[in-house]
């Protein structure tokens, strides 16, 4: 799937859609392996012994929107420097 196809699918898929974990991982903006781990760590994977594993796409988007960095769930500390000091002294 090309980047354009992934973007188009991300924008058109219904938030209520249940999609396979493999497709959700492919649509995430990082590697499939990291995406699968991230989905599981955030409790988004639903499984059924007869039907397999799936996610609700809207849940994925909602949780992803709340996380600052998908590979590191802790917030970044503020720099603590006033803006003028970042630009340098004049």
Protein backbone atom coordinates (compact mmCIF):
# COMPACT_ATOMS: atom_id res chain seq x y z
CA UNK A 1 0.00 0.00 0.00
CA UNK A 2 1.41 3.38 -0.96
CA UNK A 3 1.58 6.36 1.39
CA UNK A 4 -1.23 8.06 -0.57
CA UNK A 5 -3.41 4.96 -0.30
CA UNK A 6 -2.78 4.75 3.46
CA UNK A 7 -3.69 8.42 3.92
CA UNK A 8 -6.85 8.07 1.82
CA UNK A 9 -7.93 5.01 3.81
CA UNK A 10 -7.18 6.70 7.16
CA UNK A 11 -9.43 9.59 6.17
CA UNK A 12 -12.30 7.54 4.75
CA UNK A 13 -12.59 4.64 7.18
CA UNK A 14 -15.49 4.95 9.61
CA UNK A 15 -14.60 5.44 13.28
CA UNK A 16 -17.01 2.60 14.07
CA UNK A 17 -15.27 0.18 11.71
CA UNK A 18 -13.76 -2.96 13.18
CA UNK A 19 -10.63 -3.72 11.21
CA UNK A 20 -8.01 -6.47 11.48
CA UNK A 21 -4.97 -5.69 13.62
CA UNK A 22 -2.79 -6.18 10.53
CA UNK A 23 -4.59 -3.38 8.66
CA UNK A 24 -4.57 -1.07 11.68
CA UNK A 25 -0.82 -1.64 12.07
CA UNK A 26 -0.28 -0.85 8.40
CA UNK A 27 -2.21 2.41 8.74
CA UNK A 28 -0.24 3.60 11.77
CA UNK A 29 2.57 6.11 11.13
CA UNK A 30 5.34 3.82 12.36
CA UNK A 31 6.53 0.27 11.70
CA UNK A 32 4.02 -2.58 11.76
CA UNK A 33 5.87 -4.30 14.61
CA UNK A 34 5.84 -1.16 16.79
CA UNK A 35 2.20 -0.50 15.88
CA UNK A 36 1.12 -4.00 16.93
CA UNK A 37 2.89 -3.61 20.29
CA UNK A 38 1.41 -0.12 20.76
CA UNK A 39 -2.12 -1.36 20.00
CA UNK A 40 -1.78 -4.17 22.55
CA UNK A 41 -0.16 -1.97 25.23
CA UNK A 42 -3.07 0.46 24.98
CA UNK A 43 -5.67 -2.30 25.25
CA UNK A 44 -7.11 -1.69 21.80
CA UNK A 45 -6.94 -5.24 20.44
CA UNK A 46 -10.15 -7.23 20.81
CA UNK A 47 -9.97 -10.94 20.21
CA UNK A 48 -12.36 -13.80 19.71
CA UNK A 49 -11.21 -17.44 19.47
CA UNK A 50 -13.38 -18.01 16.39
CA UNK A 51 -13.09 -14.62 14.66
CA UNK A 52 -9.53 -13.53 15.39
CA UNK A 53 -8.23 -10.11 16.42
CA UNK A 54 -9.53 -6.68 15.47
CA UNK A 55 -9.59 -3.07 16.62
CA UNK A 56 -12.23 -0.34 16.45
CA UNK A 57 -10.57 2.31 14.28
CA UNK A 58 -12.15 5.24 16.15
CA UNK A 59 -10.68 3.96 19.42
CA UNK A 60 -7.24 3.79 17.83
CA UNK A 61 -7.48 7.38 16.56
CA UNK A 62 -8.81 8.65 19.91
CA UNK A 63 -6.04 7.03 21.98
CA UNK A 64 -3.34 8.00 19.50
CA UNK A 65 -4.53 11.61 19.68
CA UNK A 66 -4.03 11.64 23.45
CA UNK A 67 -0.51 10.22 23.40
CA UNK A 68 2.32 12.73 22.92
CA UNK A 69 4.69 10.25 21.28
CA UNK A 70 3.53 6.74 20.31
CA UNK A 71 6.95 5.24 20.99
CA UNK A 72 7.34 6.96 24.36
CA UNK A 73 4.17 7.57 26.39
CA UNK A 74 5.66 9.97 28.90
CA UNK A 75 5.36 13.73 28.27
CA UNK A 76 8.46 15.70 27.39
CA UNK A 77 9.69 18.00 30.16
CA UNK A 78 9.54 21.74 29.44
CA UNK A 79 12.84 23.43 28.72
CA UNK A 80 12.30 25.98 31.49
CA UNK A 81 14.12 28.68 29.53
CA UNK A 82 12.40 31.98 28.75
CA UNK A 83 11.92 32.53 25.01
CA UNK A 84 14.40 35.42 24.81
CA UNK A 85 17.17 33.19 26.18
CA UNK A 86 16.45 30.60 23.51
CA UNK A 87 16.95 33.22 20.79
CA UNK A 88 20.12 34.60 22.32
CA UNK A 89 20.97 37.93 23.87
CA UNK A 90 20.79 41.09 21.78
